Amino acid sequence: MMKPGKTSSKKPWIFLKILLVLVIIGFLGVAALGLMNLHVYNSSAPDVYSLDAFTSGAVSAESHYDAVIVLGCAVWEGGVASPMLADRLRTAAAVYKTGCADYILVTGDSEEPEDYDETGCMKEFLINEGISESDIVCDPLGLSTYESMVRAVTLFDVKSAVVVTTGFHCARSVYDAQNFGIESVGVEAINSGYVIRQYNYYREFIARGKDFVFMLIKPGY
């Protein structure tokens, strides 16, 4: 029994041990995510091109694809495409005009189009870029990159594609497509001058780890 007036010297050490365990777990988690990111990036990076490299003919003339897949992102109030989305769509239009694919598949969040409609906005933007409405197919339930690729295969029977999205997002998008058996290359969207927030890179770091795991277990959508 502890004598009156004395406190246990073990309690501070217990807290320090718990803290050390948590720090080690956190470090291992970040390290594991880092390795997953390296795998995703290295697996698909050789198949990712700039718009200039693709449209020069060195790539676009080599193969014909079923579709150009454009991945959605933020639409602003009033149905206006955000700068990032607008650049994805301008790039997709330029890619499609090389004659490399049969149609453009726009995929994004239009689950409740009366409130928020990515694919409707994307379709209208492409038409204004000179793409025929008959050459545009919309997937309104591409709620994530993973889901977009699942649906491209299972619902739209896409077997080959040029995937167009923002640079930081391109490697994972092509990785997901290829792991679903889509013969694919990626084209990084142009940047007309907007600043990509650090948040996007942090989010992508976590998302690459998530999709790495998803490709091991292949859940539905």
Protein backbone atom coordinates (compact mmCIF):
# COMPACT_ATOMS: atom_id res chain seq x y z
CA MET A 1 0.00 0.00 0.00
CA MET A 2 1.23 3.48 -0.88
CA LYS A 3 2.18 5.60 2.10
CA PRO A 4 0.12 8.75 2.74
CA GLY A 5 1.50 11.84 1.00
CA LYS A 6 3.13 9.88 -1.85
CA THR A 7 1.91 9.61 -5.45
CA SER A 8 2.49 6.79 -7.86
CA SER A 9 5.47 7.29 -10.17
CA LYS A 10 4.04 4.79 -12.66
CA LYS A 11 1.17 6.92 -13.99
CA PRO A 12 3.28 9.35 -16.06
CA TRP A 13 5.11 6.40 -17.64
CA ILE A 14 1.81 4.73 -18.60
CA PHE A 15 0.69 7.87 -20.42
CA LEU A 16 4.06 8.16 -22.15
CA LYS A 17 3.86 4.53 -23.29
CA ILE A 18 0.34 5.06 -24.67
CA LEU A 19 1.51 8.19 -26.47
CA LEU A 20 4.50 6.34 -27.91
CA VAL A 21 2.28 3.51 -29.18
CA LEU A 22 -0.07 6.01 -30.82
CA VAL A 23 2.85 7.82 -32.46
CA ILE A 24 4.24 4.51 -33.79
CA ILE A 25 0.81 3.48 -35.13
CA GLY A 26 0.42 6.86 -36.80
CA PHE A 27 3.89 6.66 -38.35
CA LEU A 28 3.25 3.16 -39.67
CA GLY A 29 -0.10 4.25 -41.09
CA VAL A 30 1.45 7.19 -42.95
CA ALA A 31 4.29 4.96 -44.17
CA ALA A 32 1.80 2.38 -45.45
CA LEU A 33 -0.18 5.10 -47.23
CA GLY A 34 3.05 6.35 -48.74
CA LEU A 35 3.88 2.91 -50.14
CA MET A 36 0.36 2.58 -51.55
CA ASN A 37 0.74 5.98 -53.21
CA LEU A 38 4.04 4.94 -54.77
CA HIS A 39 2.46 1.77 -56.12
CA VAL A 40 -0.53 3.58 -57.61
CA TYR A 41 1.61 6.33 -59.13
CA ASN A 42 4.35 4.07 -60.50
CA SER A 43 1.81 1.64 -61.96
CA SER A 44 0.09 4.26 -64.11
CA ALA A 45 2.55 7.17 -64.55
CA PRO A 46 4.03 5.78 -67.81
CA ASP A 47 0.55 5.94 -69.36
CA VAL A 48 -0.17 9.56 -68.40
CA TYR A 49 0.47 12.31 -70.98
CA SER A 50 0.20 16.06 -71.31
CA LEU A 51 -2.35 17.37 -73.79
CA ASP A 52 0.41 18.48 -76.18
CA ALA A 53 2.09 15.06 -76.08
CA PHE A 54 -1.20 13.34 -76.78
CA THR A 55 -2.49 15.58 -79.55
CA SER A 56 0.87 15.73 -81.33
CA GLY A 57 -0.07 12.43 -82.94
CA ALA A 58 2.62 10.36 -81.29
CA VAL A 59 0.00 8.91 -78.91
CA SER A 60 -3.42 9.71 -80.37
CA ALA A 61 -2.60 8.11 -83.72
CA GLU A 62 -1.43 4.82 -82.21
CA SER A 63 -4.74 3.47 -80.91
CA HIS A 64 -8.47 4.01 -81.15
CA TYR A 65 -10.45 3.97 -77.91
CA ASP A 66 -14.06 3.35 -77.04
CA ALA A 67 -14.43 6.57 -75.09
CA VAL A 68 -12.87 9.68 -73.67
CA ILE A 69 -13.82 9.58 -69.98
CA VAL A 70 -14.01 12.96 -68.24
CA LEU A 71 -14.22 12.92 -64.47
CA GLY A 72 -16.38 15.57 -62.82
CA CYS A 73 -15.59 17.98 -60.02
CA ALA A 74 -17.10 21.13 -58.54
CA VAL A 75 -19.93 22.99 -60.25
CA TRP A 76 -20.57 26.44 -58.88
CA GLU A 77 -23.88 28.11 -58.11
CA GLY A 78 -26.01 28.59 -61.18
CA GLY A 79 -24.63 25.49 -62.87
CA VAL A 80 -21.33 27.16 -63.79
CA ALA A 81 -18.32 24.86 -64.23
CA SER A 82 -15.52 25.61 -61.77
CA PRO A 83 -12.17 26.53 -63.39
CA MET A 84 -10.84 23.04 -62.69
CA LEU A 85 -13.83 21.37 -64.29
CA ALA A 86 -13.79 23.78 -67.24
CA ASP A 87 -10.16 22.90 -67.95
CA ARG A 88 -10.92 19.18 -67.79
CA LEU A 89 -13.70 19.69 -70.34
CA ARG A 90 -11.63 21.88 -72.67
CA THR A 91 -8.92 19.23 -72.59
CA ALA A 92 -11.41 16.43 -73.24
CA ALA A 93 -12.84 18.31 -76.23
CA ALA A 94 -9.35 18.77 -77.68
CA VAL A 95 -8.56 15.09 -77.13
CA TYR A 96 -11.82 13.96 -78.72
CA LYS A 97 -11.32 16.18 -81.77
CA THR A 98 -8.22 14.13 -82.66
CA GLY A 99 -10.63 11.32 -83.60
CA CYS A 100 -9.16 8.97 -81.02
CA ALA A 101 -12.48 7.72 -79.57
CA ASP A 102 -16.10 6.96 -80.45
CA TYR A 103 -17.72 9.22 -77.84
CA ILE A 104 -17.18 11.18 -74.63
CA LEU A 105 -18.41 9.75 -71.32
CA VAL A 106 -18.91 12.46 -68.70
CA THR A 107 -19.15 11.04 -65.21
CA GLY A 108 -19.95 12.87 -62.00
CA ASP A 109 -22.46 13.63 -59.27
CA SER A 110 -25.93 14.24 -60.67
CA GLU A 111 -27.72 12.07 -58.14
CA GLU A 112 -30.13 14.93 -57.38
CA PRO A 113 -29.88 17.07 -60.51
CA GLU A 114 -32.46 19.61 -59.38
CA ASP A 115 -30.03 20.59 -56.59
CA TYR A 116 -26.63 19.79 -58.08
CA ASP A 117 -25.91 18.58 -61.59
CA GLU A 118 -22.30 17.95 -62.61
CA THR A 119 -22.96 15.89 -65.73
CA GLY A 120 -25.60 18.27 -67.07
CA CYS A 121 -23.16 21.15 -66.73
CA MET A 122 -20.39 19.07 -68.34
CA LYS A 123 -22.55 18.12 -71.30
CA GLU A 124 -23.60 21.71 -71.96
CA PHE A 125 -19.99 22.90 -71.71
CA LEU A 126 -18.82 20.31 -74.25
CA ILE A 127 -21.58 21.24 -76.68
CA ASN A 128 -20.37 24.85 -76.44
CA GLU A 129 -16.87 23.53 -77.23
CA GLY A 130 -18.17 22.16 -80.52
CA ILE A 131 -18.90 18.56 -79.52
CA SER A 132 -22.10 17.08 -80.95
CA GLU A 133 -24.72 16.24 -78.33
CA SER A 134 -25.05 12.77 -79.88
CA ASP A 135 -21.37 12.11 -79.07
CA ILE A 136 -21.81 12.74 -75.34
CA VAL A 137 -22.96 10.09 -72.86
CA CYS A 138 -23.68 11.00 -69.23
CA ASP A 139 -23.18 8.87 -66.14
CA PRO A 140 -25.02 10.75 -63.35
CA LEU A 141 -23.86 8.41 -60.58
CA GLY A 142 -20.10 8.62 -60.92
CA LEU A 143 -19.87 9.71 -57.31
CA SER A 144 -16.20 8.80 -56.95
CA THR A 145 -13.31 7.83 -59.21
CA TYR A 146 -13.70 4.20 -58.21
CA GLU A 147 -17.45 4.20 -58.87
CA SER A 148 -16.99 5.96 -62.21
CA MET A 149 -14.70 3.19 -63.42
CA VAL A 150 -16.90 0.38 -62.08
CA ARG A 151 -19.86 1.86 -63.91
CA ALA A 152 -17.87 2.53 -67.08
CA VAL A 153 -17.19 -1.20 -67.32
CA THR A 154 -20.43 -2.69 -66.04
CA LEU A 155 -23.00 -0.23 -67.41
CA PHE A 156 -21.35 1.33 -70.44
CA ASP A 157 -19.20 -1.61 -71.56
CA VAL A 158 -16.10 0.55 -71.92
CA LYS A 159 -13.11 -1.61 -72.81
CA SER A 160 -10.64 1.14 -73.72
CA ALA A 161 -10.50 4.81 -72.83
CA VAL A 162 -8.58 8.05 -72.67
CA VAL A 163 -9.11 9.34 -69.13
CA VAL A 164 -9.04 13.13 -68.75
CA THR A 165 -8.73 14.76 -65.36
CA THR A 166 -6.58 17.19 -63.37
CA GLY A 167 -2.88 16.36 -63.06
CA PHE A 168 -2.79 15.34 -59.40
CA HIS A 169 -5.79 13.06 -60.00
CA CYS A 170 -4.66 11.45 -63.24
CA ALA A 171 -2.48 8.61 -61.94
CA ARG A 172 -5.19 7.22 -59.65
CA SER A 173 -7.87 7.54 -62.33
CA VAL A 174 -5.82 5.55 -64.85
CA TYR A 175 -4.86 3.05 -62.12
CA ASP A 176 -8.52 2.44 -61.30
CA ALA A 177 -9.47 2.12 -64.97
CA GLN A 178 -6.67 -0.33 -65.73
CA ASN A 179 -7.48 -2.45 -62.69
CA PHE A 180 -11.02 -2.87 -64.01
CA GLY A 181 -9.62 -4.12 -67.28
CA ILE A 182 -10.03 -0.90 -69.24
CA GLU A 183 -7.13 -0.45 -71.66
CA SER A 184 -6.43 3.18 -70.89
CA VAL A 185 -4.13 6.15 -70.97
CA GLY A 186 -4.52 9.43 -69.14
CA VAL A 187 -4.29 13.01 -70.28
CA GLU A 188 -3.62 15.74 -67.73
CA ALA A 189 -6.01 18.65 -68.04
CA ILE A 190 -4.62 22.06 -68.89
CA ASN A 191 -4.44 24.68 -66.16
CA SER A 192 -5.77 28.06 -67.23
CA GLY A 193 -4.34 29.79 -64.18
CA TYR A 194 -6.23 28.60 -61.09
CA VAL A 195 -4.32 27.57 -57.97
CA ILE A 196 -4.67 23.98 -56.77
CA ARG A 197 -5.11 24.04 -53.02
CA GLN A 198 -2.90 21.95 -50.75
CA TYR A 199 -6.08 20.27 -49.52
CA ASN A 200 -6.45 18.58 -52.92
CA TYR A 201 -3.05 16.91 -52.59
CA TYR A 202 -3.73 15.72 -49.04
CA ARG A 203 -7.10 14.34 -50.11
CA GLU A 204 -5.56 12.60 -53.10
CA PHE A 205 -2.85 11.05 -50.89
CA ILE A 206 -5.56 9.40 -48.77
CA ALA A 207 -7.73 8.52 -51.79
CA ARG A 208 -4.89 6.65 -53.47
CA GLY A 209 -4.57 4.47 -50.38
CA LYS A 210 -8.32 3.91 -50.32
CA ASP A 211 -8.46 2.88 -53.97
CA PHE A 212 -5.42 0.61 -53.53
CA VAL A 213 -7.38 -1.27 -50.86
CA PHE A 214 -10.57 -1.20 -52.92
CA MET A 215 -8.78 -2.81 -55.84
CA LEU A 216 -7.82 -5.70 -53.56
CA ILE A 217 -11.39 -6.38 -52.44
CA LYS A 218 -13.38 -4.93 -55.39
CA PRO A 219 -16.55 -3.81 -53.57
CA GLY A 220 -19.55 -2.83 -55.66
CA TYR A 221 -20.84 0.70 -56.03
